[in-house]
């Protein structure tokens, strides 16, 4: 689903205010053997990594950081990480580390 072109268009417009077709979805396996369950988008602007996770916990956050490092190694650019948490964050101590954005309170 994340490979459909409508997804990069929606996300890039919402997150970084870019026009349609600025980003394209890319493969989610990396040279170190890691396989991202989500997707990452690249284009004329910083890459965007998208992850969809049922429950966000410390192990997932470590994996997400590794995916970001892999994308950084590939593009040599800082990126945007978007996590869609489907159910909840595993602990209150982890949840307290997230800062909600007024435009994206979800």
N, C-alpha and C. Protein backbone atom coordinates (compact mmCIF):
# COMPACT_ATOMS: atom_id res chain seq x y z
N UNK A 1 0.81 -1.19 0.00
CA UNK A 1 0.00 0.00 0.00
C UNK A 1 0.86 1.27 0.00
N UNK A 2 1.94 1.27 0.77
CA UNK A 2 2.78 2.46 0.85
C UNK A 2 3.55 2.72 -0.44
N UNK A 3 3.55 1.75 -1.35
CA UNK A 3 4.25 1.93 -2.62
C UNK A 3 3.40 2.66 -3.65
N UNK A 4 2.08 2.79 -3.41
CA UNK A 4 1.19 3.50 -4.33
C UNK A 4 1.56 4.97 -4.35
N UNK A 5 1.63 5.59 -5.54
CA UNK A 5 2.08 6.98 -5.67
C UNK A 5 1.22 7.97 -4.91
N UNK A 6 -0.04 7.63 -4.63
CA UNK A 6 -0.88 8.57 -3.89
C UNK A 6 -0.37 8.77 -2.46
N UNK A 7 0.29 7.78 -1.90
CA UNK A 7 0.79 7.90 -0.52
C UNK A 7 1.93 8.92 -0.43
N UNK A 8 2.98 8.81 -1.26
CA UNK A 8 4.00 9.87 -1.19
C UNK A 8 3.43 11.26 -1.44
N UNK A 9 2.45 11.35 -2.33
CA UNK A 9 1.84 12.66 -2.60
C UNK A 9 1.14 13.21 -1.36
N UNK A 10 0.34 12.38 -0.69
CA UNK A 10 -0.37 12.83 0.51
C UNK A 10 0.59 13.21 1.63
N UNK A 11 1.56 12.33 1.89
CA UNK A 11 2.49 12.56 2.99
C UNK A 11 3.36 13.78 2.74
N UNK A 12 3.92 13.88 1.54
CA UNK A 12 4.82 15.02 1.28
C UNK A 12 4.08 16.34 1.30
N UNK A 13 2.84 16.33 0.87
CA UNK A 13 2.05 17.57 0.91
C UNK A 13 1.74 17.96 2.36
N UNK A 14 1.39 16.98 3.19
CA UNK A 14 1.03 17.25 4.58
C UNK A 14 2.24 17.60 5.44
N UNK A 15 3.34 16.91 5.24
CA UNK A 15 4.49 17.07 6.13
C UNK A 15 5.41 18.20 5.70
N UNK A 16 5.74 18.27 4.42
CA UNK A 16 6.70 19.26 3.97
C UNK A 16 6.15 20.21 2.91
N UNK A 17 4.83 20.20 2.71
CA UNK A 17 4.14 21.13 1.80
C UNK A 17 4.67 21.13 0.37
N UNK A 18 4.97 19.95 -0.14
CA UNK A 18 5.46 19.83 -1.51
C UNK A 18 4.34 19.47 -2.46
N UNK A 19 4.45 19.85 -3.72
CA UNK A 19 3.42 19.48 -4.71
C UNK A 19 3.46 17.98 -5.02
N UNK A 20 2.41 17.50 -5.69
CA UNK A 20 2.35 16.09 -6.09
C UNK A 20 3.54 15.70 -6.96
N UNK A 21 3.89 14.43 -6.86
CA UNK A 21 4.95 13.82 -7.66
C UNK A 21 6.34 14.40 -7.39
N UNK A 22 6.51 14.99 -6.21
CA UNK A 22 7.82 15.46 -5.79
C UNK A 22 8.64 14.29 -5.25
N UNK A 23 7.95 13.32 -4.66
CA UNK A 23 8.58 12.13 -4.09
C UNK A 23 8.07 10.89 -4.79
N UNK A 24 8.87 9.84 -4.78
CA UNK A 24 8.44 8.53 -5.24
C UNK A 24 8.79 7.50 -4.18
N UNK A 25 7.97 6.45 -4.08
CA UNK A 25 8.23 5.38 -3.12
C UNK A 25 9.41 4.55 -3.60
N UNK A 26 10.17 4.01 -2.66
CA UNK A 26 11.33 3.22 -3.00
C UNK A 26 11.32 1.90 -2.26
N UNK A 27 12.23 1.02 -2.64
CA UNK A 27 12.35 -0.27 -1.98
C UNK A 27 12.70 -0.08 -0.52
N UNK A 28 12.40 -1.08 0.28
CA UNK A 28 12.58 -0.94 1.72
C UNK A 28 13.63 -1.89 2.28
N UNK A 29 14.49 -2.43 1.43
CA UNK A 29 15.59 -3.24 1.95
C UNK A 29 16.88 -2.45 1.74
N UNK A 30 17.82 -2.66 2.65
CA UNK A 30 19.05 -1.88 2.66
C UNK A 30 20.27 -2.77 2.50
N UNK A 31 21.40 -2.15 2.22
CA UNK A 31 22.62 -2.90 1.94
C UNK A 31 23.11 -3.72 3.13
N UNK A 32 22.72 -3.33 4.35
CA UNK A 32 23.14 -4.10 5.52
C UNK A 32 22.21 -5.27 5.82
N UNK A 33 21.21 -5.49 4.95
CA UNK A 33 20.28 -6.61 5.12
C UNK A 33 19.01 -6.24 5.86
N UNK A 34 18.94 -5.04 6.43
CA UNK A 34 17.73 -4.62 7.14
C UNK A 34 16.59 -4.45 6.14
N UNK A 35 15.40 -4.83 6.57
CA UNK A 35 14.21 -4.67 5.74
C UNK A 35 13.20 -3.86 6.53
N UNK A 36 12.85 -2.71 6.00
CA UNK A 36 11.90 -1.80 6.62
C UNK A 36 10.49 -2.25 6.26
N UNK A 37 9.62 -2.38 7.25
CA UNK A 37 8.24 -2.78 6.99
C UNK A 37 7.46 -1.68 6.28
N UNK A 38 7.90 -0.47 6.43
CA UNK A 38 7.21 0.66 5.82
C UNK A 38 7.77 0.98 4.46
N UNK A 39 8.07 2.21 4.23
CA UNK A 39 8.58 2.64 2.94
C UNK A 39 9.39 3.90 3.15
N UNK A 40 10.15 4.24 2.16
CA UNK A 40 10.77 5.55 2.21
C UNK A 40 10.65 6.20 0.85
N UNK A 41 10.57 7.50 0.88
CA UNK A 41 10.34 8.28 -0.33
C UNK A 41 11.54 9.18 -0.56
N UNK A 42 11.89 9.33 -1.80
CA UNK A 42 12.97 10.25 -2.12
C UNK A 42 12.56 11.12 -3.29
N UNK A 43 13.19 12.24 -3.40
CA UNK A 43 12.87 13.17 -4.47
C UNK A 43 13.83 14.34 -4.43
N UNK A 44 13.31 15.52 -4.72
CA UNK A 44 14.13 16.73 -4.78
C UNK A 44 14.41 17.30 -3.39
N UNK A 45 13.75 16.78 -2.38
CA UNK A 45 13.84 17.29 -1.02
C UNK A 45 14.32 16.18 -0.10
N UNK A 46 14.50 16.46 1.18
CA UNK A 46 14.98 15.41 2.09
C UNK A 46 14.11 14.16 2.04
N UNK A 47 14.73 12.98 2.15
CA UNK A 47 13.96 11.73 2.15
C UNK A 47 12.95 11.69 3.30
N UNK A 48 11.87 10.95 3.10
CA UNK A 48 10.86 10.74 4.14
C UNK A 48 10.75 9.24 4.36
N UNK A 49 10.93 8.81 5.61
CA UNK A 49 10.75 7.41 5.98
C UNK A 49 9.39 7.28 6.65
N UNK A 50 8.58 6.33 6.18
CA UNK A 50 7.24 6.10 6.73
C UNK A 50 7.23 4.73 7.39
N UNK A 51 6.77 4.66 8.61
CA UNK A 51 6.59 3.40 9.32
C UNK A 51 5.18 3.34 9.87
N UNK A 52 4.54 2.21 9.71
CA UNK A 52 3.23 1.96 10.31
C UNK A 52 3.44 0.85 11.34
N UNK A 53 3.07 1.13 12.58
CA UNK A 53 3.36 0.19 13.67
C UNK A 53 2.15 0.06 14.58
N UNK A 54 1.77 -1.17 14.88
CA UNK A 54 0.63 -1.43 15.77
C UNK A 54 0.89 -0.83 17.15
N UNK A 55 1.98 -1.25 17.78
CA UNK A 55 2.36 -0.75 19.10
C UNK A 55 3.80 -0.26 19.02
N UNK A 56 4.02 0.98 19.38
CA UNK A 56 5.36 1.56 19.35
C UNK A 56 6.03 1.31 20.69
N UNK A 57 7.18 0.62 20.64
CA UNK A 57 7.95 0.36 21.86
C UNK A 57 9.42 0.68 21.59
N UNK A 58 10.26 0.45 22.60
CA UNK A 58 11.67 0.80 22.47
C UNK A 58 12.35 0.01 21.35
N UNK A 59 12.01 -1.27 21.18
CA UNK A 59 12.62 -2.07 20.12
C UNK A 59 12.27 -1.51 18.75
N UNK A 60 11.01 -1.14 18.57
CA UNK A 60 10.61 -0.55 17.30
C UNK A 60 11.35 0.75 17.05
N UNK A 61 11.47 1.60 18.06
CA UNK A 61 12.16 2.88 17.90
C UNK A 61 13.62 2.66 17.51
N UNK A 62 14.27 1.64 18.07
CA UNK A 62 15.65 1.31 17.69
C UNK A 62 15.73 0.91 16.23
N UNK A 63 14.78 0.09 15.78
CA UNK A 63 14.75 -0.30 14.37
C UNK A 63 14.52 0.91 13.47
N UNK A 64 13.59 1.78 13.87
CA UNK A 64 13.30 2.97 13.06
C UNK A 64 14.54 3.86 12.94
N UNK A 65 15.29 3.99 14.00
CA UNK A 65 16.53 4.76 13.96
C UNK A 65 17.52 4.12 12.99
N UNK A 66 17.63 2.79 13.02
CA UNK A 66 18.52 2.10 12.08
C UNK A 66 18.09 2.33 10.64
N UNK A 67 16.78 2.29 10.36
CA UNK A 67 16.30 2.56 9.01
C UNK A 67 16.70 3.97 8.58
N UNK A 68 16.56 4.92 9.50
CA UNK A 68 16.93 6.31 9.19
C UNK A 68 18.42 6.43 8.89
N UNK A 69 19.23 5.73 9.67
CA UNK A 69 20.67 5.75 9.43
C UNK A 69 21.01 5.15 8.07
N UNK A 70 20.31 4.09 7.69
CA UNK A 70 20.52 3.49 6.37
C UNK A 70 20.16 4.45 5.26
N UNK A 71 19.04 5.14 5.40
CA UNK A 71 18.64 6.12 4.39
C UNK A 71 19.64 7.26 4.35
N UNK A 72 20.11 7.71 5.51
CA UNK A 72 21.12 8.77 5.54
C UNK A 72 22.38 8.33 4.81
N UNK A 73 22.82 7.09 5.05
CA UNK A 73 24.02 6.58 4.37
C UNK A 73 23.84 6.58 2.85
N UNK A 74 22.64 6.29 2.39
CA UNK A 74 22.38 6.22 0.96
C UNK A 74 22.33 7.60 0.31
N UNK A 75 21.63 8.55 0.96
CA UNK A 75 21.39 9.86 0.34
C UNK A 75 22.29 10.97 0.87
N UNK A 76 22.94 10.73 2.01
CA UNK A 76 23.79 11.76 2.65
C UNK A 76 22.99 13.02 2.95
N UNK A 77 21.74 12.85 3.35
CA UNK A 77 20.86 13.96 3.71
C UNK A 77 20.10 13.59 4.98
N UNK A 78 19.83 14.60 5.80
CA UNK A 78 18.95 14.37 6.94
C UNK A 78 17.54 14.16 6.41
N UNK A 79 16.74 13.43 7.15
CA UNK A 79 15.44 13.02 6.63
C UNK A 79 14.34 13.29 7.62
N UNK A 80 13.13 13.01 7.19
CA UNK A 80 11.94 13.13 8.02
C UNK A 80 11.44 11.72 8.29
N UNK A 81 11.19 11.40 9.55
CA UNK A 81 10.62 10.10 9.93
C UNK A 81 9.18 10.32 10.35
N UNK A 82 8.26 9.58 9.72
CA UNK A 82 6.84 9.64 10.07
C UNK A 82 6.43 8.27 10.57
N UNK A 83 5.90 8.23 11.79
CA UNK A 83 5.43 6.96 12.36
C UNK A 83 3.93 7.06 12.58
N UNK A 84 3.20 6.14 11.96
CA UNK A 84 1.77 6.03 12.21
C UNK A 84 1.59 4.91 13.23
N UNK A 85 1.23 5.29 14.43
CA UNK A 85 1.01 4.32 15.50
C UNK A 85 -0.47 3.93 15.48
N UNK A 86 -0.75 2.67 15.16
CA UNK A 86 -2.12 2.21 14.97
C UNK A 86 -2.86 2.06 16.30
N UNK A 87 -2.19 1.48 17.29
CA UNK A 87 -2.87 1.20 18.56
C UNK A 87 -2.41 2.12 19.69
N UNK A 88 -1.18 1.95 20.14
CA UNK A 88 -0.70 2.79 21.24
C UNK A 88 0.82 2.72 21.37
N UNK A 89 1.33 3.58 22.25
CA UNK A 89 2.74 3.55 22.62
C UNK A 89 2.83 2.66 23.85
N UNK A 90 3.81 1.76 23.87
CA UNK A 90 3.87 0.69 24.86
C UNK A 90 3.98 1.17 26.31
N UNK A 91 4.65 2.28 26.55
CA UNK A 91 4.81 2.72 27.94
C UNK A 91 4.62 4.23 28.04
N UNK A 92 4.22 4.67 29.23
CA UNK A 92 4.05 6.11 29.46
C UNK A 92 5.38 6.84 29.39
N UNK A 93 6.45 6.18 29.83
CA UNK A 93 7.76 6.85 29.80
C UNK A 93 8.21 7.09 28.36
N UNK A 94 7.93 6.15 27.45
CA UNK A 94 8.26 6.36 26.05
C UNK A 94 7.32 7.40 25.43
N UNK A 95 6.04 7.32 25.73
CA UNK A 95 5.06 8.28 25.19
C UNK A 95 5.41 9.71 25.59
N UNK A 96 5.95 9.89 26.79
CA UNK A 96 6.26 11.24 27.26
C UNK A 96 7.40 11.88 26.47
N UNK A 97 8.16 11.07 25.72
CA UNK A 97 9.28 11.60 24.93
C UNK A 97 8.84 12.17 23.59
N UNK A 98 7.60 11.89 23.20
CA UNK A 98 7.08 12.41 21.94
C UNK A 98 6.47 13.78 22.16
N UNK A 99 6.69 14.65 21.22
CA UNK A 99 6.12 15.99 21.28
C UNK A 99 5.10 16.11 20.15
N UNK A 100 3.86 16.37 20.51
CA UNK A 100 2.84 16.50 19.45
C UNK A 100 2.96 17.86 18.79
N UNK A 101 2.64 17.87 17.54
CA UNK A 101 2.68 19.09 16.74
C UNK A 101 1.26 19.62 16.65
N UNK A 102 1.04 20.93 16.88
CA UNK A 102 -0.33 21.48 16.87
C UNK A 102 -1.09 21.20 15.57
N UNK A 103 -0.35 21.16 14.45
CA UNK A 103 -1.01 20.91 13.17
C UNK A 103 -1.31 19.42 12.97
N UNK A 104 -0.55 18.54 13.64
CA UNK A 104 -0.74 17.10 13.52
C UNK A 104 -0.84 16.47 14.90
N UNK A 105 -1.95 16.66 15.61
CA UNK A 105 -2.07 16.16 16.98
C UNK A 105 -2.30 14.65 17.05
N UNK A 106 -2.49 14.01 15.96
CA UNK A 106 -2.78 12.57 15.93
C UNK A 106 -1.53 11.75 15.83
